């Protein structure tokens, strides 16, 4: 699965999550449900980095099943922007501008993750066609 676009968009997803996590830890969010301390921020960032890095490295090493694990990680971290949108509009006392900007950033991150899925599905289809061509060519 040595596909640069899939790997690049996985890195974009990871960076987007870390930025969103950092923004949610700032005081301007003004939410009682999101009171993240600096050590908690670094702890969640480290976990996200490790969970993203493992399938990215495996993909760079051309281990074909790695994009399944990467898909699971990206799906898991797509829940975060959904949570941000709900927290911003249901619980935050921040200004309308902050709520709108955080929501737009969350939606952009979800769109990026959806685009990663499209790229991964295209890659899977391409790999399946190659495998089918080899299998059917061997039967002739």
C-alpha atoms as a PDB file:
ATOM      1  CA  UNK A   1       0.000   0.000   0.000  1.00  0.00           C
ATOM      2  CA  UNK A   2       2.797   2.358  -0.766  1.00  0.00           C
ATOM      3  CA  UNK A   3       0.460   5.081  -1.928  1.00  0.00           C
ATOM      4  CA  UNK A   4       1.642   8.573  -1.100  1.00  0.00           C
ATOM      5  CA  UNK A   5      -1.780  10.195  -1.203  1.00  0.00           C
ATOM      6  CA  UNK A   6      -3.257   7.796   1.340  1.00  0.00           C
ATOM      7  CA  UNK A   7      -0.280   8.270   3.633  1.00  0.00           C
ATOM      8  CA  UNK A   8      -0.259  12.058   3.166  1.00  0.00           C
ATOM      9  CA  UNK A   9      -3.955  12.365   3.984  1.00  0.00           C
ATOM     10  CA  UNK A  10      -3.485  10.176   7.060  1.00  0.00           C
ATOM     11  CA  UNK A  11      -0.796  12.615   8.227  1.00  0.00           C
ATOM     12  CA  UNK A  12      -3.128  15.536   7.497  1.00  0.00           C
ATOM     13  CA  UNK A  13      -5.807  13.804   9.568  1.00  0.00           C
ATOM     14  CA  UNK A  14      -3.390  13.342  12.461  1.00  0.00           C
ATOM     15  CA  UNK A  15      -2.224  16.966  12.372  1.00  0.00           C
ATOM     16  CA  UNK A  16      -5.836  18.145  12.114  1.00  0.00           C
ATOM     17  CA  UNK A  17      -6.798  16.148  15.197  1.00  0.00           C
ATOM     18  CA  UNK A  18      -3.843  17.492  17.170  1.00  0.00           C
ATOM     19  CA  UNK A  19      -4.667  21.086  16.199  1.00  0.00           C
ATOM     20  CA  UNK A  20      -8.341  20.585  17.057  1.00  0.00           C
ATOM     21  CA  UNK A  21      -7.385  18.996  20.375  1.00  0.00           C
ATOM     22  CA  UNK A  22      -5.081  21.933  21.128  1.00  0.00           C
ATOM     23  CA  UNK A  23      -7.778  24.474  20.282  1.00  0.00           C
ATOM     24  CA  UNK A  24     -10.296  22.696  22.491  1.00  0.00           C
ATOM     25  CA  UNK A  25      -7.865  22.915  25.408  1.00  0.00           C
ATOM     26  CA  UNK A  26      -7.706  26.719  25.175  1.00  0.00           C
ATOM     27  CA  UNK A  27      -9.732  28.934  27.510  1.00  0.00           C
ATOM     28  CA  UNK A  28     -11.601  30.712  24.679  1.00  0.00           C
ATOM     29  CA  UNK A  29     -13.687  27.565  24.174  1.00  0.00           C
ATOM     30  CA  UNK A  30     -15.395  28.385  27.490  1.00  0.00           C
ATOM     31  CA  UNK A  31     -16.942  24.957  28.046  1.00  0.00           C
ATOM     32  CA  UNK A  32     -17.509  23.248  31.360  1.00  0.00           C
ATOM     33  CA  UNK A  33     -17.253  19.791  29.750  1.00  0.00           C
ATOM     34  CA  UNK A  34     -13.888  20.515  28.151  1.00  0.00           C
ATOM     35  CA  UNK A  35     -11.475  21.403  30.926  1.00  0.00           C
ATOM     36  CA  UNK A  36      -8.269  19.861  29.614  1.00  0.00           C
ATOM     37  CA  UNK A  37      -5.012  20.484  31.425  1.00  0.00           C
ATOM     38  CA  UNK A  38      -1.685  20.671  29.613  1.00  0.00           C
ATOM     39  CA  UNK A  39      -0.589  17.178  30.740  1.00  0.00           C
ATOM     40  CA  UNK A  40      -3.911  15.748  29.508  1.00  0.00           C
ATOM     41  CA  UNK A  41      -3.417  17.495  26.166  1.00  0.00           C
ATOM     42  CA  UNK A  42       0.062  15.981  25.762  1.00  0.00           C
ATOM     43  CA  UNK A  43      -1.190  12.575  26.868  1.00  0.00           C
ATOM     44  CA  UNK A  44      -3.969  12.490  24.248  1.00  0.00           C
ATOM     45  CA  UNK A  45      -1.606  13.899  21.623  1.00  0.00           C
ATOM     46  CA  UNK A  46       0.957  11.177  22.297  1.00  0.00           C
ATOM     47  CA  UNK A  47      -1.700   8.459  22.066  1.00  0.00           C
ATOM     48  CA  UNK A  48      -3.000   9.895  18.787  1.00  0.00           C
ATOM     49  CA  UNK A  49       0.527  10.171  17.396  1.00  0.00           C
ATOM     50  CA  UNK A  50       1.306   6.530  18.213  1.00  0.00           C
ATOM     51  CA  UNK A  51      -2.019   5.249  16.874  1.00  0.00           C
ATOM     52  CA  UNK A  52      -1.554   7.158  13.623  1.00  0.00           C
ATOM     53  CA  UNK A  53       2.183   6.440  13.297  1.00  0.00           C
ATOM     54  CA  UNK A  54       1.914   2.654  13.467  1.00  0.00           C
ATOM     55  CA  UNK A  55      -0.247   2.193  10.337  1.00  0.00           C
ATOM     56  CA  UNK A  56       1.532   5.035   8.521  1.00  0.00           C
ATOM     57  CA  UNK A  57       4.902   3.340   9.024  1.00  0.00           C
ATOM     58  CA  UNK A  58       3.439  -0.043   8.066  1.00  0.00           C
ATOM     59  CA  UNK A  59       1.944   1.524   4.927  1.00  0.00           C
ATOM     60  CA  UNK A  60       5.296   3.080   4.054  1.00  0.00           C
ATOM     61  CA  UNK A  61       6.823  -0.392   4.440  1.00  0.00           C
ATOM     62  CA  UNK A  62       4.232  -1.609   1.913  1.00  0.00           C
ATOM     63  CA  UNK A  63       2.313  -3.904   4.275  1.00  0.00           C
ATOM     64  CA  UNK A  64      -0.972  -4.132   2.420  1.00  0.00           C
ATOM     65  CA  UNK A  65      -3.399  -4.671   5.362  1.00  0.00           C
ATOM     66  CA  UNK A  66      -2.118  -1.524   7.093  1.00  0.00           C
ATOM     67  CA  UNK A  67      -4.806   0.668   5.548  1.00  0.00           C
ATOM     68  CA  UNK A  68      -7.493  -1.348   7.365  1.00  0.00           C
ATOM     69  CA  UNK A  69      -5.878  -0.433  10.675  1.00  0.00           C
ATOM     70  CA  UNK A  70      -5.380   3.124   9.443  1.00  0.00           C
ATOM     71  CA  UNK A  71      -9.070   3.272   8.534  1.00  0.00           C
ATOM     72  CA  UNK A  72     -10.010   2.182  12.027  1.00  0.00           C
ATOM     73  CA  UNK A  73      -7.779   4.872  13.555  1.00  0.00           C
ATOM     74  CA  UNK A  74      -9.142   7.577  11.265  1.00  0.00           C
ATOM     75  CA  UNK A  75     -12.727   6.500  11.959  1.00  0.00           C
ATOM     76  CA  UNK A  76     -12.008   6.654  15.685  1.00  0.00           C
ATOM     77  CA  UNK A  77     -10.498  10.116  15.436  1.00  0.00           C
ATOM     78  CA  UNK A  78     -13.366  11.350  13.246  1.00  0.00           C
ATOM     79  CA  UNK A  79     -15.547  11.129  16.337  1.00  0.00           C
ATOM     80  CA  UNK A  80     -13.558  13.979  17.882  1.00  0.00           C
ATOM     81  CA  UNK A  81     -14.692  16.689  15.426  1.00  0.00           C
ATOM     82  CA  UNK A  82     -18.274  15.489  15.862  1.00  0.00           C
ATOM     83  CA  UNK A  83     -17.858  15.900  19.613  1.00  0.00           C
ATOM     84  CA  UNK A  84     -16.350  19.358  19.105  1.00  0.00           C
ATOM     85  CA  UNK A  85     -19.377  20.512  17.111  1.00  0.00           C
ATOM     86  CA  UNK A  86     -21.790  19.247  19.756  1.00  0.00           C
ATOM     87  CA  UNK A  87     -19.750  20.737  22.610  1.00  0.00           C
ATOM     88  CA  UNK A  88     -19.409  24.095  20.904  1.00  0.00           C
ATOM     89  CA  UNK A  89     -23.131  24.513  20.195  1.00  0.00           C
ATOM     90  CA  UNK A  90     -24.628  22.786  23.233  1.00  0.00           C
ATOM     91  CA  UNK A  91     -22.273  23.620  26.060  1.00  0.00           C
ATOM     92  CA  UNK A  92     -19.854  26.405  25.171  1.00  0.00           C
ATOM     93  CA  UNK A  93     -20.269  29.970  26.291  1.00  0.00           C
ATOM     94  CA  UNK A  94     -17.901  31.153  23.560  1.00  0.00           C
ATOM     95  CA  UNK A  95     -18.851  33.824  21.057  1.00  0.00           C
ATOM     96  CA  UNK A  96     -20.712  32.954  17.880  1.00  0.00           C
ATOM     97  CA  UNK A  97     -17.533  33.566  15.857  1.00  0.00           C
ATOM     98  CA  UNK A  98     -15.508  31.059  17.923  1.00  0.00           C
ATOM     99  CA  UNK A  99     -18.310  28.479  17.675  1.00  0.00           C
ATOM    100  CA  UNK A 100     -18.567  28.965  13.918  1.00  0.00           C
ATOM    101  CA  UNK A 101     -14.802  28.771  13.332  1.00  0.00           C
ATOM    102  CA  UNK A 102     -14.414  25.664  15.480  1.00  0.00           C
ATOM    103  CA  UNK A 103     -17.355  24.042  13.694  1.00  0.00           C
ATOM    104  CA  UNK A 104     -15.964  24.909  10.264  1.00  0.00           C
ATOM    105  CA  UNK A 105     -12.574  23.483  11.215  1.00  0.00           C
ATOM    106  CA  UNK A 106     -14.269  20.322  12.531  1.00  0.00           C
ATOM    107  CA  UNK A 107     -16.297  19.935   9.344  1.00  0.00           C
ATOM    108  CA  UNK A 108     -13.166  20.445   7.234  1.00  0.00           C
ATOM    109  CA  UNK A 109     -11.374  17.745   9.232  1.00  0.00           C
ATOM    110  CA  UNK A 110     -14.302  15.359   8.743  1.00  0.00           C
ATOM    111  CA  UNK A 111     -14.266  16.123   5.005  1.00  0.00           C
ATOM    112  CA  UNK A 112     -10.526  15.406   4.904  1.00  0.00           C
ATOM    113  CA  UNK A 113     -11.081  12.108   6.677  1.00  0.00           C
ATOM    114  CA  UNK A 114     -13.857  11.243   4.205  1.00  0.00           C
ATOM    115  CA  UNK A 115     -11.477  12.044   1.342  1.00  0.00           C
ATOM    116  CA  UNK A 116      -8.917   9.707   2.907  1.00  0.00           C
ATOM    117  CA  UNK A 117     -11.601   7.000   2.836  1.00  0.00           C
ATOM    118  CA  UNK A 118     -12.231   7.636  -0.876  1.00  0.00           C
ATOM    119  CA  UNK A 119      -8.498   7.349  -1.585  1.00  0.00           C
ATOM    120  CA  UNK A 120      -8.242   4.151   0.468  1.00  0.00           C
ATOM    121  CA  UNK A 121     -11.205   2.597  -1.329  1.00  0.00           C
ATOM    122  CA  UNK A 122      -9.683   3.473  -4.707  1.00  0.00           C
ATOM    123  CA  UNK A 123      -6.409   1.907  -3.597  1.00  0.00           C
ATOM    124  CA  UNK A 124      -8.239  -1.206  -2.420  1.00  0.00           C
ATOM    125  CA  UNK A 125     -10.064  -1.477  -5.753  1.00  0.00           C
ATOM    126  CA  UNK A 126      -6.782  -1.101  -7.655  1.00  0.00           C
ATOM    127  CA  UNK A 127      -5.136  -3.796  -5.524  1.00  0.00           C
ATOM    128  CA  UNK A 128      -8.128  -6.093  -6.004  1.00  0.00           C
ATOM    129  CA  UNK A 129      -7.966  -5.679  -9.791  1.00  0.00           C
ATOM    130  CA  UNK A 130      -4.256  -6.542  -9.781  1.00  0.00           C
ATOM    131  CA  UNK A 131      -4.865  -9.609  -7.608  1.00  0.00           C
ATOM    132  CA  UNK A 132      -7.769 -10.728  -9.832  1.00  0.00           C
ATOM    133  CA  UNK A 133      -5.687 -10.261 -12.986  1.00  0.00           C
ATOM    134  CA  UNK A 134      -2.912 -12.436 -11.510  1.00  0.00           C
ATOM    135  CA  UNK A 135      -5.338 -15.079 -10.320  1.00  0.00           C
ATOM    136  CA  UNK A 136      -7.236 -15.335 -13.611  1.00  0.00           C
ATOM    137  CA  UNK A 137      -4.031 -15.202 -15.677  1.00  0.00           C
ATOM    138  CA  UNK A 138      -2.683 -18.184 -13.723  1.00  0.00           C
ATOM    139  CA  UNK A 139      -5.773 -20.267 -14.577  1.00  0.00           C
ATOM    140  CA  UNK A 140      -5.276 -19.935 -18.354  1.00  0.00           C
END
